[in-house]
């Protein structure tokens, strides 16, 4: 599981993240055979390319909207406040930490691991 998938599933637990079919799976598809479908939602595995890219500004918008509506949003803000102490400057403006799709995704991931909402990803 990669970080984008982990954050997506924490934000949207009722949705699917369609991983690209493995090389072995693609090689074993019979010619003219049925493409395997997702066990959770039933869609064809060919939808794997439709996953949102959370490292873009559009992805940032998806994460921002969903995170603010999540039951854990107050816990996230508290976690940011506690963990956002610069060694020389002291506390920085929390808003600065949110700016940028990859920065926000990484913060959500770190919070998810710390709060045990996400299992740590081995990359």
PDB file of N, CA and C in Angstrom:
ATOM      1  N   UNK A   1       0.859  -1.168   0.000  1.00  0.00           N
ATOM      2  CA  UNK A   1       0.000   0.000   0.000  1.00  0.00           C
ATOM      3  C   UNK A   1       0.908   1.234   0.000  1.00  0.00           C
ATOM      4  N   UNK A   2       0.615   2.191  -0.884  1.00  0.00           N
ATOM      5  CA  UNK A   2       1.399   3.413  -0.886  1.00  0.00           C
ATOM      6  C   UNK A   2       0.713   4.493  -0.062  1.00  0.00           C
ATOM      7  N   UNK A   3       1.420   5.606   0.151  1.00  0.00           N
ATOM      8  CA  UNK A   3       0.885   6.672   1.004  1.00  0.00           C
ATOM      9  C   UNK A   3      -0.402   7.253   0.445  1.00  0.00           C
ATOM     10  N   UNK A   4      -0.456   7.466  -0.883  1.00  0.00           N
ATOM     11  CA  UNK A   4      -1.677   8.030  -1.464  1.00  0.00           C
ATOM     12  C   UNK A   4      -2.870   7.123  -1.197  1.00  0.00           C
ATOM     13  N   UNK A   5      -2.679   5.832  -1.401  1.00  0.00           N
ATOM     14  CA  UNK A   5      -3.767   4.876  -1.176  1.00  0.00           C
ATOM     15  C   UNK A   5      -4.189   4.888   0.288  1.00  0.00           C
ATOM     16  N   UNK A   6      -3.209   4.897   1.193  1.00  0.00           N
ATOM     17  CA  UNK A   6      -3.509   4.880   2.625  1.00  0.00           C
ATOM     18  C   UNK A   6      -4.299   6.118   3.039  1.00  0.00           C
ATOM     19  N   UNK A   7      -3.871   7.298   2.577  1.00  0.00           N
ATOM     20  CA  UNK A   7      -4.563   8.545   2.924  1.00  0.00           C
ATOM     21  C   UNK A   7      -5.955   8.564   2.292  1.00  0.00           C
ATOM     22  N   UNK A   8      -6.059   8.145   1.035  1.00  0.00           N
ATOM     23  CA  UNK A   8      -7.353   8.119   0.355  1.00  0.00           C
ATOM     24  C   UNK A   8      -8.348   7.261   1.134  1.00  0.00           C
ATOM     25  N   UNK A   9      -7.918   6.069   1.542  1.00  0.00           N
ATOM     26  CA  UNK A   9      -8.827   5.162   2.250  1.00  0.00           C
ATOM     27  C   UNK A   9      -9.162   5.650   3.659  1.00  0.00           C
ATOM     28  N   UNK A  10      -8.254   6.430   4.277  1.00  0.00           N
ATOM     29  CA  UNK A  10      -8.580   7.024   5.576  1.00  0.00           C
ATOM     30  C   UNK A  10      -9.635   8.119   5.393  1.00  0.00           C
ATOM     31  N   UNK A  11      -9.512   8.899   4.305  1.00  0.00           N
ATOM     32  CA  UNK A  11     -10.451   9.995   4.045  1.00  0.00           C
ATOM     33  C   UNK A  11     -11.782   9.503   3.497  1.00  0.00           C
ATOM     34  N   UNK A  12     -11.735   8.454   2.690  1.00  0.00           N
ATOM     35  CA  UNK A  12     -12.930   7.940   2.019  1.00  0.00           C
ATOM     36  C   UNK A  12     -13.058   6.442   2.291  1.00  0.00           C
ATOM     37  N   UNK A  13     -13.384   6.042   3.525  1.00  0.00           N
ATOM     38  CA  UNK A  13     -13.414   4.616   3.869  1.00  0.00           C
ATOM     39  C   UNK A  13     -14.460   3.809   3.104  1.00  0.00           C
ATOM     40  N   UNK A  14     -15.445   4.472   2.524  1.00  0.00           N
ATOM     41  CA  UNK A  14     -16.491   3.759   1.796  1.00  0.00           C
ATOM     42  C   UNK A  14     -16.182   3.620   0.305  1.00  0.00           C
ATOM     43  N   UNK A  15     -15.043   4.147  -0.139  1.00  0.00           N
ATOM     44  CA  UNK A  15     -14.682   4.082  -1.560  1.00  0.00           C
ATOM     45  C   UNK A  15     -13.564   3.076  -1.778  1.00  0.00           C
ATOM     46  N   UNK A  16     -13.282   2.815  -3.031  1.00  0.00           N
ATOM     47  CA  UNK A  16     -12.229   1.865  -3.394  1.00  0.00           C
ATOM     48  C   UNK A  16     -11.031   2.591  -3.984  1.00  0.00           C
ATOM     49  N   UNK A  17      -9.869   2.031  -3.755  1.00  0.00           N
ATOM     50  CA  UNK A  17      -8.645   2.456  -4.426  1.00  0.00           C
ATOM     51  C   UNK A  17      -8.262   1.279  -5.308  1.00  0.00           C
ATOM     52  N   UNK A  18      -8.330   1.476  -6.592  1.00  0.00           N
ATOM     53  CA  UNK A  18      -8.103   0.372  -7.525  1.00  0.00           C
ATOM     54  C   UNK A  18      -6.639   0.302  -7.919  1.00  0.00           C
ATOM     55  N   UNK A  19      -5.935  -0.668  -7.336  1.00  0.00           N
ATOM     56  CA  UNK A  19      -4.532  -0.861  -7.662  1.00  0.00           C
ATOM     57  C   UNK A  19      -4.395  -1.409  -9.068  1.00  0.00           C
ATOM     58  N   UNK A  20      -3.301  -1.038  -9.720  1.00  0.00           N
ATOM     59  CA  UNK A  20      -3.008  -1.544 -11.052  1.00  0.00           C
ATOM     60  C   UNK A  20      -2.879  -3.068 -10.958  1.00  0.00           C
ATOM     61  N   UNK A  21      -3.516  -3.798 -11.862  1.00  0.00           N
ATOM     62  CA  UNK A  21      -3.386  -5.263 -11.824  1.00  0.00           C
ATOM     63  C   UNK A  21      -1.916  -5.664 -11.935  1.00  0.00           C
ATOM     64  N   UNK A  22      -1.531  -6.677 -11.207  1.00  0.00           N
ATOM     65  CA  UNK A  22      -0.136  -7.127 -11.224  1.00  0.00           C
ATOM     66  C   UNK A  22       0.225  -7.683 -12.598  1.00  0.00           C
ATOM     67  N   UNK A  23       1.516  -7.726 -12.873  1.00  0.00           N
ATOM     68  CA  UNK A  23       1.994  -8.267 -14.149  1.00  0.00           C
ATOM     69  C   UNK A  23       1.530  -9.712 -14.312  1.00  0.00           C
ATOM     70  N   UNK A  24       1.610 -10.483 -13.220  1.00  0.00           N
ATOM     71  CA  UNK A  24       1.178 -11.885 -13.268  1.00  0.00           C
ATOM     72  C   UNK A  24      -0.311 -11.974 -13.606  1.00  0.00           C
ATOM     73  N   UNK A  25      -1.115 -11.107 -12.986  1.00  0.00           N
ATOM     74  CA  UNK A  25      -2.550 -11.121 -13.253  1.00  0.00           C
ATOM     75  C   UNK A  25      -2.828 -10.777 -14.722  1.00  0.00           C
ATOM     76  N   UNK A  26      -2.119  -9.763 -15.229  1.00  0.00           N
ATOM     77  CA  UNK A  26      -2.329  -9.363 -16.632  1.00  0.00           C
ATOM     78  C   UNK A  26      -1.896 -10.466 -17.594  1.00  0.00           C
ATOM     79  N   UNK A  27      -0.795 -11.142 -17.273  1.00  0.00           N
ATOM     80  CA  UNK A  27      -0.296 -12.210 -18.142  1.00  0.00           C
ATOM     81  C   UNK A  27      -1.216 -13.420 -18.145  1.00  0.00           C
ATOM     82  N   UNK A  28      -1.958 -13.631 -17.079  1.00  0.00           N
ATOM     83  CA  UNK A  28      -2.829 -14.799 -16.962  1.00  0.00           C
ATOM     84  C   UNK A  28      -4.257 -14.572 -17.466  1.00  0.00           C
ATOM     85  N   UNK A  29      -4.561 -13.353 -17.913  1.00  0.00           N
ATOM     86  CA  UNK A  29      -5.892 -13.130 -18.475  1.00  0.00           C
ATOM     87  C   UNK A  29      -6.017 -13.927 -19.763  1.00  0.00           C
ATOM     88  N   UNK A  30      -7.020 -14.757 -19.863  1.00  0.00           N
ATOM     89  CA  UNK A  30      -7.193 -15.490 -21.116  1.00  0.00           C
ATOM     90  C   UNK A  30      -7.613 -14.524 -22.234  1.00  0.00           C
ATOM     91  N   UNK A  31      -7.132 -14.795 -23.427  1.00  0.00           N
ATOM     92  CA  UNK A  31      -7.507 -13.941 -24.558  1.00  0.00           C
ATOM     93  C   UNK A  31      -9.025 -13.992 -24.692  1.00  0.00           C
ATOM     94  N   UNK A  32      -9.619 -12.835 -24.714  1.00  0.00           N
ATOM     95  CA  UNK A  32     -11.071 -12.750 -24.785  1.00  0.00           C
ATOM     96  C   UNK A  32     -11.759 -13.019 -23.464  1.00  0.00           C
ATOM     97  N   UNK A  33     -10.958 -13.264 -22.406  1.00  0.00           N
ATOM     98  CA  UNK A  33     -11.533 -13.559 -21.097  1.00  0.00           C
ATOM     99  C   UNK A  33     -11.986 -12.304 -20.371  1.00  0.00           C
ATOM    100  N   UNK A  34     -12.648 -12.512 -19.282  1.00  0.00           N
ATOM    101  CA  UNK A  34     -13.162 -11.419 -18.470  1.00  0.00           C
ATOM    102  C   UNK A  34     -12.048 -10.846 -17.598  1.00  0.00           C
ATOM    103  N   UNK A  35     -11.978  -9.536 -17.567  1.00  0.00           N
ATOM    104  CA  UNK A  35     -11.010  -8.862 -16.711  1.00  0.00           C
ATOM    105  C   UNK A  35     -11.524  -8.959 -15.276  1.00  0.00           C
ATOM    106  N   UNK A  36     -10.668  -9.340 -14.333  1.00  0.00           N
ATOM    107  CA  UNK A  36     -11.119  -9.460 -12.947  1.00  0.00           C
ATOM    108  C   UNK A  36     -11.723  -8.156 -12.431  1.00  0.00           C
ATOM    109  N   UNK A  37     -12.700  -8.266 -11.565  1.00  0.00           N
ATOM    110  CA  UNK A  37     -13.336  -7.077 -11.017  1.00  0.00           C
ATOM    111  C   UNK A  37     -12.960  -6.904  -9.546  1.00  0.00           C
ATOM    112  N   UNK A  38     -13.179  -5.696  -9.055  1.00  0.00           N
ATOM    113  CA  UNK A  38     -12.874  -5.361  -7.665  1.00  0.00           C
ATOM    114  C   UNK A  38     -13.794  -6.151  -6.739  1.00  0.00           C
ATOM    115  N   UNK A  39     -13.218  -6.743  -5.713  1.00  0.00           N
ATOM    116  CA  UNK A  39     -14.021  -7.535  -4.770  1.00  0.00           C
ATOM    117  C   UNK A  39     -14.919  -6.665  -3.903  1.00  0.00           C
ATOM    118  N   UNK A  40     -14.560  -5.372  -3.750  1.00  0.00           N
ATOM    119  CA  UNK A  40     -15.342  -4.493  -2.880  1.00  0.00           C
ATOM    120  C   UNK A  40     -16.496  -3.829  -3.629  1.00  0.00           C
ATOM    121  N   UNK A  41     -16.204  -3.237  -4.809  1.00  0.00           N
ATOM    122  CA  UNK A  41     -17.251  -2.467  -5.493  1.00  0.00           C
ATOM    123  C   UNK A  41     -17.772  -3.142  -6.756  1.00  0.00           C
ATOM    124  N   UNK A  42     -17.063  -4.180  -7.247  1.00  0.00           N
ATOM    125  CA  UNK A  42     -17.524  -4.907  -8.416  1.00  0.00           C
ATOM    126  C   UNK A  42     -17.137  -4.297  -9.746  1.00  0.00           C
ATOM    127  N   UNK A  43     -16.467  -3.124  -9.738  1.00  0.00           N
ATOM    128  CA  UNK A  43     -16.059  -2.502 -11.002  1.00  0.00           C
ATOM    129  C   UNK A  43     -14.887  -3.257 -11.600  1.00  0.00           C
ATOM    130  N   UNK A  44     -14.767  -3.150 -12.903  1.00  0.00           N
ATOM    131  CA  UNK A  44     -13.660  -3.774 -13.612  1.00  0.00           C
ATOM    132  C   UNK A  44     -12.345  -3.227 -13.084  1.00  0.00           C
ATOM    133  N   UNK A  45     -11.340  -4.080 -12.976  1.00  0.00           N
ATOM    134  CA  UNK A  45     -10.026  -3.637 -12.510  1.00  0.00           C
ATOM    135  C   UNK A  45      -9.375  -2.650 -13.474  1.00  0.00           C
ATOM    136  N   UNK A  46      -9.957  -2.472 -14.648  1.00  0.00           N
ATOM    137  CA  UNK A  46      -9.410  -1.506 -15.594  1.00  0.00           C
ATOM    138  C   UNK A  46      -9.655  -0.075 -15.123  1.00  0.00           C
ATOM    139  N   UNK A  47     -10.378   0.123 -14.036  1.00  0.00           N
ATOM    140  CA  UNK A  47     -10.620   1.470 -13.520  1.00  0.00           C
ATOM    141  C   UNK A  47      -9.453   1.968 -12.675  1.00  0.00           C
ATOM    142  N   UNK A  48      -8.379   1.187 -12.569  1.00  0.00           N
ATOM    143  CA  UNK A  48      -7.269   1.581 -11.705  1.00  0.00           C
ATOM    144  C   UNK A  48      -6.714   2.949 -12.062  1.00  0.00           C
ATOM    145  N   UNK A  49      -6.794   3.347 -13.308  1.00  0.00           N
ATOM    146  CA  UNK A  49      -6.287   4.651 -13.724  1.00  0.00           C
ATOM    147  C   UNK A  49      -7.167   5.801 -13.285  1.00  0.00           C
ATOM    148  N   UNK A  50      -8.322   5.504 -12.698  1.00  0.00           N
ATOM    149  CA  UNK A  50      -9.248   6.559 -12.296  1.00  0.00           C
ATOM    150  C   UNK A  50      -9.024   7.024 -10.850  1.00  0.00           C
ATOM    151  N   UNK A  51      -8.025   6.489 -10.175  1.00  0.00           N
ATOM    152  CA  UNK A  51      -7.733   6.935  -8.813  1.00  0.00           C
ATOM    153  C   UNK A  51      -7.286   8.397  -8.844  1.00  0.00           C
ATOM    154  N   UNK A  52      -7.712   9.189  -7.866  1.00  0.00           N
ATOM    155  CA  UNK A  52      -7.282  10.587  -7.849  1.00  0.00           C
ATOM    156  C   UNK A  52      -5.793  10.695  -7.511  1.00  0.00           C
ATOM    157  N   UNK A  53      -5.137  11.691  -8.070  1.00  0.00           N
ATOM    158  CA  UNK A  53      -3.740  11.953  -7.754  1.00  0.00           C
ATOM    159  C   UNK A  53      -3.718  12.979  -6.630  1.00  0.00           C
ATOM    160  N   UNK A  54      -3.425  12.542  -5.432  1.00  0.00           N
ATOM    161  CA  UNK A  54      -3.465  13.418  -4.266  1.00  0.00           C
ATOM    162  C   UNK A  54      -2.268  14.359  -4.200  1.00  0.00           C
ATOM    163  N   UNK A  55      -1.329  14.232  -5.148  1.00  0.00           N
ATOM    164  CA  UNK A  55      -0.174  15.122  -5.166  1.00  0.00           C
ATOM    165  C   UNK A  55      -0.407  16.341  -6.053  1.00  0.00           C
ATOM    166  N   UNK A  56      -1.621  16.506  -6.553  1.00  0.00           N
ATOM    167  CA  UNK A  56      -1.966  17.669  -7.385  1.00  0.00           C
ATOM    168  C   UNK A  56      -2.832  18.629  -6.576  1.00  0.00           C
ATOM    169  N   UNK A  57      -3.040  19.833  -7.105  1.00  0.00           N
ATOM    170  CA  UNK A  57      -3.902  20.790  -6.408  1.00  0.00           C
ATOM    171  C   UNK A  57      -5.344  20.311  -6.385  1.00  0.00           C
ATOM    172  N   UNK A  58      -5.763  19.608  -7.420  1.00  0.00           N
ATOM    173  CA  UNK A  58      -7.111  19.031  -7.405  1.00  0.00           C
ATOM    174  C   UNK A  58      -7.204  17.988  -6.288  1.00  0.00           C
ATOM    175  N   UNK A  59      -6.164  17.186  -6.133  1.00  0.00           N
ATOM    176  CA  UNK A  59      -6.116  16.208  -5.050  1.00  0.00           C
ATOM    177  C   UNK A  59      -6.101  16.872  -3.687  1.00  0.00           C
ATOM    178  N   UNK A  60      -5.393  18.004  -3.587  1.00  0.00           N
ATOM    179  CA  UNK A  60      -5.380  18.767  -2.341  1.00  0.00           C
ATOM    180  C   UNK A  60      -6.799  19.183  -1.973  1.00  0.00           C
ATOM    181  N   UNK A  61      -7.561  19.649  -2.959  1.00  0.00           N
ATOM    182  CA  UNK A  61      -8.952  20.053  -2.711  1.00  0.00           C
ATOM    183  C   UNK A  61      -9.788  18.899  -2.188  1.00  0.00           C
ATOM    184  N   UNK A  62      -9.618  17.720  -2.783  1.00  0.00           N
ATOM    185  CA  UNK A  62     -10.350  16.534  -2.311  1.00  0.00           C
ATOM    186  C   UNK A  62      -9.992  16.218  -0.859  1.00  0.00           C
ATOM    187  N   UNK A  63      -8.682  16.240  -0.564  1.00  0.00           N
ATOM    188  CA  UNK A  63      -8.234  15.922   0.796  1.00  0.00           C
ATOM    189  C   UNK A  63      -8.730  16.969   1.794  1.00  0.00           C
ATOM    190  N   UNK A  64      -8.617  18.237   1.421  1.00  0.00           N
ATOM    191  CA  UNK A  64      -8.992  19.333   2.323  1.00  0.00           C
ATOM    192  C   UNK A  64     -10.468  19.256   2.688  1.00  0.00           C
ATOM    193  N   UNK A  65     -11.321  19.078   1.664  1.00  0.00           N
ATOM    194  CA  UNK A  65     -12.767  19.003   1.902  1.00  0.00           C
ATOM    195  C   UNK A  65     -13.117  17.798   2.771  1.00  0.00           C
ATOM    196  N   UNK A  66     -12.558  16.643   2.441  1.00  0.00           N
ATOM    197  CA  UNK A  66     -12.888  15.418   3.179  1.00  0.00           C
ATOM    198  C   UNK A  66     -12.346  15.458   4.607  1.00  0.00           C
ATOM    199  N   UNK A  67     -11.134  15.969   4.774  1.00  0.00           N
ATOM    200  CA  UNK A  67     -10.523  15.993   6.108  1.00  0.00           C
ATOM    201  C   UNK A  67     -11.318  16.884   7.062  1.00  0.00           C
ATOM    202  N   UNK A  68     -11.782  18.034   6.575  1.00  0.00           N
ATOM    203  CA  UNK A  68     -12.540  18.939   7.443  1.00  0.00           C
ATOM    204  C   UNK A  68     -13.870  18.332   7.898  1.00  0.00           C
ATOM    205  N   UNK A  69     -14.395  17.407   7.119  1.00  0.00           N
ATOM    206  CA  UNK A  69     -15.664  16.763   7.457  1.00  0.00           C
ATOM    207  C   UNK A  69     -15.474  15.506   8.310  1.00  0.00           C
ATOM    208  N   UNK A  70     -14.230  15.039   8.420  1.00  0.00           N
ATOM    209  CA  UNK A  70     -13.958  13.796   9.142  1.00  0.00           C
ATOM    210  C   UNK A  70     -14.131  13.991  10.653  1.00  0.00           C
ATOM    211  N   UNK A  71     -14.579  12.935  11.317  1.00  0.00           N
ATOM    212  CA  UNK A  71     -14.780  12.992  12.763  1.00  0.00           C
ATOM    213  C   UNK A  71     -13.471  13.246  13.501  1.00  0.00           C
ATOM    214  N   UNK A  72     -12.352  12.921  12.898  1.00  0.00           N
ATOM    215  CA  UNK A  72     -11.050  13.080  13.543  1.00  0.00           C
ATOM    216  C   UNK A  72     -10.388  14.424  13.257  1.00  0.00           C
ATOM    217  N   UNK A  73     -11.038  15.349  12.523  1.00  0.00           N
ATOM    218  CA  UNK A  73     -10.447  16.644  12.175  1.00  0.00           C
ATOM    219  C   UNK A  73      -9.945  17.411  13.413  1.00  0.00           C
ATOM    220  N   UNK A  74     -10.728  17.529  14.491  1.00  0.00           N
ATOM    221  CA  UNK A  74     -10.201  18.226  15.677  1.00  0.00           C
ATOM    222  C   UNK A  74      -8.942  17.553  16.242  1.00  0.00           C
ATOM    223  N   UNK A  75      -8.912  16.225  16.210  1.00  0.00           N
ATOM    224  CA  UNK A  75      -7.721  15.499  16.685  1.00  0.00           C
ATOM    225  C   UNK A  75      -6.516  15.807  15.792  1.00  0.00           C
ATOM    226  N   UNK A  76      -6.757  15.903  14.484  1.00  0.00           N
ATOM    227  CA  UNK A  76      -5.683  16.228  13.538  1.00  0.00           C
ATOM    228  C   UNK A  76      -5.118  17.615  13.838  1.00  0.00           C
ATOM    229  N   UNK A  77      -6.004  18.590  14.045  1.00  0.00           N
ATOM    230  CA  UNK A  77      -5.540  19.955  14.342  1.00  0.00           C
ATOM    231  C   UNK A  77      -4.727  19.989  15.633  1.00  0.00           C
ATOM    232  N   UNK A  78      -5.176  19.258  16.632  1.00  0.00           N
ATOM    233  CA  UNK A  78      -4.430  19.191  17.895  1.00  0.00           C
ATOM    234  C   UNK A  78      -3.083  18.520  17.679  1.00  0.00           C
ATOM    235  N   UNK A  79      -3.062  17.452  16.888  1.00  0.00           N
ATOM    236  CA  UNK A  79      -1.822  16.736  16.589  1.00  0.00           C
ATOM    237  C   UNK A  79      -0.842  17.659  15.873  1.00  0.00           C
ATOM    238  N   UNK A  80      -1.336  18.434  14.917  1.00  0.00           N
ATOM    239  CA  UNK A  80      -0.478  19.386  14.197  1.00  0.00           C
ATOM    240  C   UNK A  80       0.109  20.389  15.186  1.00  0.00           C
ATOM    241  N   UNK A  81      -0.716  20.913  16.073  1.00  0.00           N
ATOM    242  CA  UNK A  81      -0.260  21.929  17.026  1.00  0.00           C
ATOM    243  C   UNK A  81       0.842  21.369  17.928  1.00  0.00           C
ATOM    244  N   UNK A  82       0.659  20.164  18.414  1.00  0.00           N
ATOM    245  CA  UNK A  82       1.634  19.545  19.311  1.00  0.00           C
ATOM    246  C   UNK A  82       2.928  19.213  18.577  1.00  0.00           C
ATOM    247  N   UNK A  83       2.835  18.759  17.326  1.00  0.00           N
ATOM    248  CA  UNK A  83       4.014  18.307  16.577  1.00  0.00           C
ATOM    249  C   UNK A  83       4.627  19.384  15.700  1.00  0.00           C
ATOM    250  N   UNK A  84       4.100  20.592  15.725  1.00  0.00           N
ATOM    251  CA  UNK A  84       4.594  21.641  14.830  1.00  0.00           C
ATOM    252  C   UNK A  84       5.431  22.666  15.598  1.00  0.00           C
ATOM    253  N   UNK A  85       6.520  22.221  16.197  1.00  0.00           N
ATOM    254  CA  UNK A  85       7.407  23.130  16.908  1.00  0.00           C
ATOM    255  C   UNK A  85       8.759  23.110  16.197  1.00  0.00           C
ATOM    256  N   UNK A  86       9.116  24.243  15.609  1.00  0.00           N
ATOM    257  CA  UNK A  86      10.398  24.381  14.921  1.00  0.00           C
ATOM    258  C   UNK A  86      11.490  24.494  15.982  1.00  0.00           C
ATOM    259  N   UNK A  87      12.626  23.821  15.806  1.00  0.00           N
ATOM    260  CA  UNK A  87      13.655  23.825  16.846  1.00  0.00           C
ATOM    261  C   UNK A  87      14.189  25.221  17.189  1.00  0.00           C
ATOM    262  N   UNK A  88      14.180  26.156  16.233  1.00  0.00           N
ATOM    263  CA  UNK A  88      14.733  27.482  16.504  1.00  0.00           C
ATOM    264  C   UNK A  88      13.671  28.574  16.548  1.00  0.00           C
ATOM    265  N   UNK A  89      12.609  28.409  15.776  1.00  0.00           N
ATOM    266  CA  UNK A  89      11.605  29.459  15.662  1.00  0.00           C
ATOM    267  C   UNK A  89      10.409  29.259  16.592  1.00  0.00           C
ATOM    268  N   UNK A  90      10.331  28.121  17.248  1.00  0.00           N
ATOM    269  CA  UNK A  90       9.167  27.835  18.088  1.00  0.00           C
ATOM    270  C   UNK A  90       7.982  27.440  17.223  1.00  0.00           C
ATOM    271  N   UNK A  91       6.782  27.747  17.681  1.00  0.00           N
ATOM    272  CA  UNK A  91       5.574  27.381  16.930  1.00  0.00           C
ATOM    273  C   UNK A  91       5.447  28.243  15.694  1.00  0.00           C
ATOM    274  N   UNK A  92       5.183  27.601  14.580  1.00  0.00           N
ATOM    275  CA  UNK A  92       4.975  28.311  13.323  1.00  0.00           C
ATOM    276  C   UNK A  92       3.478  28.368  13.042  1.00  0.00           C
ATOM    277  N   UNK A  93       3.090  29.168  12.100  1.00  0.00           N
ATOM    278  CA  UNK A  93       1.697  29.272  11.703  1.00  0.00           C
ATOM    279  C   UNK A  93       1.239  27.922  11.157  1.00  0.00           C
ATOM    280  N   UNK A  94       0.234  27.332  11.767  1.00  0.00           N
ATOM    281  CA  UNK A  94      -0.252  26.018  11.343  1.00  0.00           C
ATOM    282  C   UNK A  94      -0.653  26.029   9.874  1.00  0.00           C
ATOM    283  N   UNK A  95      -1.271  27.111   9.421  1.00  0.00           N
ATOM    284  CA  UNK A  95      -1.716  27.189   8.035  1.00  0.00           C
ATOM    285  C   UNK A  95      -0.591  26.982   7.038  1.00  0.00           C
ATOM    286  N   UNK A  96       0.611  27.421   7.379  1.00  0.00           N
ATOM    287  CA  UNK A  96       1.758  27.264   6.484  1.00  0.00           C
ATOM    288  C   UNK A  96       2.026  25.788   6.231  1.00  0.00           C
ATOM    289  N   UNK A  97       1.820  24.957   7.237  1.00  0.00           N
ATOM    290  CA  UNK A  97       2.085  23.534   7.094  1.00  0.00           C
ATOM    291  C   UNK A  97       1.106  22.845   6.143  1.00  0.00           C
ATOM    292  N   UNK A  98      -0.066  23.401   5.950  1.00  0.00           N
ATOM    293  CA  UNK A  98      -1.073  22.762   5.115  1.00  0.00           C
ATOM    294  C   UNK A  98      -0.880  23.061   3.633  1.00  0.00           C
ATOM    295  N   UNK A  99      -0.123  24.086   3.311  1.00  0.00           N
ATOM    296  CA  UNK A  99      -0.038  24.534   1.928  1.00  0.00           C
ATOM    297  C   UNK A  99       0.801  23.560   1.117  1.00  0.00           C
ATOM    298  N   UNK A 100       0.206  23.045   0.078  1.00  0.00           N
ATOM    299  CA  UNK A 100       0.885  22.119  -0.817  1.00  0.00           C
ATOM    300  C   UNK A 100       0.296  20.731  -0.737  1.00  0.00           C
ATOM    301  N   UNK A 101      -0.051  20.166  -1.874  1.00  0.00           N
ATOM    302  CA  UNK A 101      -0.684  18.842  -1.898  1.00  0.00           C
ATOM    303  C   UNK A 101       0.145  17.749  -1.235  1.00  0.00           C
ATOM    304  N   UNK A 102       1.436  17.662  -1.565  1.00  0.00           N
ATOM    305  CA  UNK A 102       2.244  16.580  -1.000  1.00  0.00           C
ATOM    306  C   UNK A 102       2.494  16.789   0.491  1.00  0.00           C
ATOM    307  N   UNK A 103       2.661  18.048   0.895  1.00  0.00           N
ATOM    308  CA  UNK A 103       2.869  18.350   2.314  1.00  0.00           C
ATOM    309  C   UNK A 103       1.635  17.927   3.110  1.00  0.00           C
ATOM    310  N   UNK A 104       0.462  18.315   2.633  1.00  0.00           N
ATOM    311  CA  UNK A 104      -0.774  17.984   3.341  1.00  0.00           C
ATOM    312  C   UNK A 104      -1.007  16.477   3.363  1.00  0.00           C
ATOM    313  N   UNK A 105      -0.759  15.819   2.227  1.00  0.00           N
ATOM    314  CA  UNK A 105      -0.922  14.366   2.168  1.00  0.00           C
ATOM    315  C   UNK A 105       0.018  13.691   3.169  1.00  0.00           C
ATOM    316  N   UNK A 106       1.276  14.153   3.232  1.00  0.00           N
ATOM    317  CA  UNK A 106       2.233  13.559   4.170  1.00  0.00           C
ATOM    318  C   UNK A 106       1.828  13.801   5.615  1.00  0.00           C
ATOM    319  N   UNK A 107       1.298  14.996   5.913  1.00  0.00           N
ATOM    320  CA  UNK A 107       0.824  15.267   7.271  1.00  0.00           C
ATOM    321  C   UNK A 107      -0.352  14.360   7.633  1.00  0.00           C
ATOM    322  N   UNK A 108      -1.279  14.195   6.687  1.00  0.00           N
ATOM    323  CA  UNK A 108      -2.405  13.294   6.944  1.00  0.00           C
ATOM    324  C   UNK A 108      -1.913  11.867   7.159  1.00  0.00           C
ATOM    325  N   UNK A 109      -0.927  11.461   6.363  1.00  0.00           N
ATOM    326  CA  UNK A 109      -0.375  10.120   6.501  1.00  0.00           C
ATOM    327  C   UNK A 109       0.277   9.945   7.882  1.00  0.00           C
ATOM    328  N   UNK A 110       1.121  10.917   8.281  1.00  0.00           N
ATOM    329  CA  UNK A 110       1.796  10.831   9.576  1.00  0.00           C
ATOM    330  C   UNK A 110       0.781  10.803  10.718  1.00  0.00           C
ATOM    331  N   UNK A 111      -0.256  11.628  10.606  1.00  0.00           N
ATOM    332  CA  UNK A 111      -1.314  11.623  11.620  1.00  0.00           C
ATOM    333  C   UNK A 111      -2.023  10.271  11.635  1.00  0.00           C
ATOM    334  N   UNK A 112      -2.329   9.742  10.452  1.00  0.00           N
ATOM    335  CA  UNK A 112      -3.012   8.455  10.360  1.00  0.00           C
ATOM    336  C   UNK A 112      -2.222   7.333  11.010  1.00  0.00           C
ATOM    337  N   UNK A 113      -0.903   7.334  10.808  1.00  0.00           N
ATOM    338  CA  UNK A 113      -0.044   6.320  11.431  1.00  0.00           C
ATOM    339  C   UNK A 113      -0.006   6.533  12.944  1.00  0.00           C
ATOM    340  N   UNK A 114       0.196   7.795  13.360  1.00  0.00           N
ATOM    341  CA  UNK A 114       0.290   8.101  14.798  1.00  0.00           C
ATOM    342  C   UNK A 114      -1.002   7.765  15.534  1.00  0.00           C
ATOM    343  N   UNK A 115      -2.141   7.960  14.872  1.00  0.00           N
ATOM    344  CA  UNK A 115      -3.437   7.694  15.517  1.00  0.00           C
ATOM    345  C   UNK A 115      -3.956   6.289  15.218  1.00  0.00           C
ATOM    346  N   UNK A 116      -3.127   5.490  14.570  1.00  0.00           N
ATOM    347  CA  UNK A 116      -3.439   4.104  14.220  1.00  0.00           C
ATOM    348  C   UNK A 116      -4.642   3.971  13.293  1.00  0.00           C
ATOM    349  N   UNK A 117      -4.881   4.985  12.484  1.00  0.00           N
ATOM    350  CA  UNK A 117      -5.911   4.907  11.449  1.00  0.00           C
ATOM    351  C   UNK A 117      -5.328   4.327  10.158  1.00  0.00           C
ATOM    352  N   UNK A 118      -4.008   4.365  10.078  1.00  0.00           N
ATOM    353  CA  UNK A 118      -3.269   3.846   8.918  1.00  0.00           C
ATOM    354  C   UNK A 118      -2.142   2.972   9.445  1.00  0.00           C
ATOM    355  N   UNK A 119      -1.934   1.832   8.778  1.00  0.00           N
ATOM    356  CA  UNK A 119      -0.752   1.028   9.070  1.00  0.00           C
ATOM    357  C   UNK A 119       0.394   1.616   8.249  1.00  0.00           C
ATOM    358  N   UNK A 120       1.563   1.720   8.845  1.00  0.00           N
ATOM    359  CA  UNK A 120       2.696   2.329   8.166  1.00  0.00           C
ATOM    360  C   UNK A 120       3.023   1.600   6.874  1.00  0.00           C
ATOM    361  N   UNK A 121       3.308   2.392   5.844  1.00  0.00           N
ATOM    362  CA  UNK A 121       3.607   1.851   4.520  1.00  0.00           C
ATOM    363  C   UNK A 121       5.090   1.594   4.402  1.00  0.00           C
ATOM    364  N   UNK A 122       5.453   0.436   3.898  1.00  0.00           N
ATOM    365  CA  UNK A 122       6.860   0.161   3.595  1.00  0.00           C
ATOM    366  C   UNK A 122       7.084   0.422   2.124  1.00  0.00           C
ATOM    367  N   UNK A 123       7.948   1.374   1.842  1.00  0.00           N
ATOM    368  CA  UNK A 123       8.153   1.751   0.433  1.00  0.00           C
ATOM    369  C   UNK A 123       9.437   1.217  -0.094  1.00  0.00           C
TER     370      UNK A 123
END
